[in-house]
Amino acid sequence: MARSIKKGPYVDEKLLKKIEGKKPIETGVIKTWARRSQIAPEMVGFNFGVHNGREHIEVLVTEDMVGHRLGEFSHTKKFHRHGGKMQKELDTKVKEAEINAAQSAKAAVEAKK
């Protein structure tokens, strides 16, 4: 649910204090647990370490990110991959294609000599 326009965007006060009066180049990674705070235009260029529940993931804020939340760029769940018989077959085909490409490249180099 969106926040009302009357209230304005939510930005954590502690986070604003950490970047207040500083230049993005001078500061290193600013660690934060405030995943719910929105990215303000003043934050552009800063490097934030957003906590995902286990570790801090570095997020470099750009102009395109303004209006989004910090938590959107620090995923909390790790995608392993879909498995099964079909995936194994696809993986073997990819490996075979790489081997064949490497062999043909090697043969082409030897043919030039």
Protein backbone atom coordinates (compact mmCIF):
# COMPACT_ATOMS: atom_id res chain seq x y z
CA MET A 1 0.00 0.00 0.00
CA ALA A 2 1.36 3.39 -0.96
CA ARG A 3 2.15 6.09 1.56
CA SER A 4 -0.09 9.16 1.39
CA ILE A 5 1.19 12.20 -0.46
CA LYS A 6 0.40 14.39 2.53
CA LYS A 7 2.93 12.53 4.70
CA GLY A 8 5.63 12.43 2.04
CA PRO A 9 8.27 9.73 1.49
CA TYR A 10 9.68 7.83 4.47
CA VAL A 11 13.42 8.19 4.92
CA ASP A 12 15.04 7.00 8.13
CA GLU A 13 16.34 9.96 10.17
CA LYS A 14 19.50 8.15 11.26
CA LEU A 15 20.30 7.45 7.62
CA LEU A 16 19.94 11.11 6.71
CA LYS A 17 22.23 12.09 9.60
CA LYS A 18 24.90 9.71 8.33
CA ILE A 19 25.01 11.38 4.90
CA GLU A 20 24.38 14.95 6.03
CA GLY A 21 27.13 17.32 4.94
CA LYS A 22 29.30 14.57 3.42
CA LYS A 23 30.45 13.97 -0.14
CA PRO A 24 29.81 10.59 -1.79
CA ILE A 25 33.47 10.18 -2.74
CA GLU A 26 34.81 10.74 0.79
CA THR A 27 32.56 8.26 2.59
CA GLY A 28 32.99 4.56 2.26
CA VAL A 29 30.18 2.09 2.71
CA ILE A 30 27.41 3.36 4.98
CA LYS A 31 25.94 0.40 6.83
CA THR A 32 22.19 0.44 7.39
CA TRP A 33 19.41 -1.82 8.53
CA ALA A 34 16.70 0.58 7.27
CA ARG A 35 15.48 -1.45 4.29
CA ARG A 36 12.10 0.29 4.30
CA SER A 37 13.40 3.82 3.78
CA GLN A 38 12.98 5.35 0.35
CA ILE A 39 15.91 6.60 -1.66
CA ALA A 40 15.99 10.41 -1.70
CA PRO A 41 17.79 12.55 -4.30
CA GLU A 42 20.37 13.51 -1.65
CA MET A 43 21.51 9.87 -1.49
CA VAL A 44 22.61 9.66 -5.14
CA GLY A 45 26.26 8.62 -5.42
CA PHE A 46 26.54 7.16 -1.92
CA ASN A 47 27.44 3.53 -1.31
CA PHE A 48 25.13 1.84 1.20
CA GLY A 49 25.60 -1.52 2.89
CA VAL A 50 21.99 -2.72 3.14
CA HIS A 51 21.43 -5.59 5.58
CA ASN A 52 19.59 -8.59 4.14
CA GLY A 53 19.26 -10.53 7.39
CA ARG A 54 22.66 -12.16 7.19
CA GLU A 55 25.15 -9.71 5.73
CA HIS A 56 25.42 -6.19 4.33
CA ILE A 57 25.12 -6.02 0.56
CA GLU A 58 26.70 -2.99 -1.12
CA VAL A 59 24.30 -0.82 -3.13
CA LEU A 60 25.56 2.13 -5.15
CA VAL A 61 22.66 4.58 -5.45
CA THR A 62 22.05 6.06 -8.92
CA GLU A 63 19.49 8.55 -10.20
CA ASP A 64 17.25 5.75 -11.50
CA MET A 65 16.80 4.38 -7.96
CA VAL A 66 15.24 7.55 -6.50
CA GLY A 67 11.79 6.76 -5.12
CA HIS A 68 12.48 3.06 -4.63
CA ARG A 69 13.22 1.44 -1.28
CA LEU A 70 16.70 0.32 -0.21
CA GLY A 71 15.46 -3.21 0.47
CA GLU A 72 14.58 -3.71 -3.20
CA PHE A 73 18.27 -3.85 -4.06
CA SER A 74 19.34 -6.22 -1.28
CA HIS A 75 17.64 -9.56 -1.79
CA THR A 76 16.90 -11.68 1.27
CA LYS A 77 16.49 -15.01 -0.47
CA LYS A 78 19.07 -16.75 -2.61
CA PHE A 79 17.87 -18.40 -5.82
CA HIS A 80 19.72 -21.66 -6.35
CA ARG A 81 18.11 -22.87 -9.60
CA HIS A 82 15.38 -25.06 -10.87
CA GLY A 83 16.52 -28.64 -11.06
CA GLY A 84 15.35 -31.89 -12.50
CA LYS A 85 16.12 -34.12 -15.46
CA MET A 86 15.58 -31.45 -18.09
CA GLN A 87 17.98 -29.05 -16.39
CA LYS A 88 20.72 -31.71 -16.26
CA GLU A 89 20.27 -32.39 -19.97
CA LEU A 90 20.51 -28.69 -20.78
CA ASP A 91 23.66 -28.37 -18.66
CA THR A 92 25.35 -31.28 -20.43
CA LYS A 93 24.48 -29.80 -23.85
CA VAL A 94 26.00 -26.46 -22.84
CA LYS A 95 29.17 -28.14 -21.59
CA GLU A 96 29.49 -30.17 -24.80
CA ALA A 97 29.06 -27.03 -26.90
CA GLU A 98 31.78 -25.25 -24.92
CA ILE A 99 34.16 -28.20 -25.33
CA ASN A 100 33.50 -28.37 -29.07
CA ALA A 101 34.05 -24.61 -29.46
CA ALA A 102 37.33 -24.81 -27.55
CA GLN A 103 38.53 -27.75 -29.66
CA SER A 104 37.66 -26.02 -32.94
CA ALA A 105 39.42 -22.85 -31.82
CA LYS A 106 42.49 -24.85 -30.87
CA ALA A 107 42.47 -26.63 -34.25
CA ALA A 108 42.17 -23.32 -36.08
CA VAL A 109 45.19 -21.92 -34.21
CA GLU A 110 47.25 -25.02 -34.98
CA ALA A 111 46.24 -24.90 -38.64
CA LYS A 112 47.57 -21.35 -38.96
CA LYS A 113 51.02 -22.43 -37.72
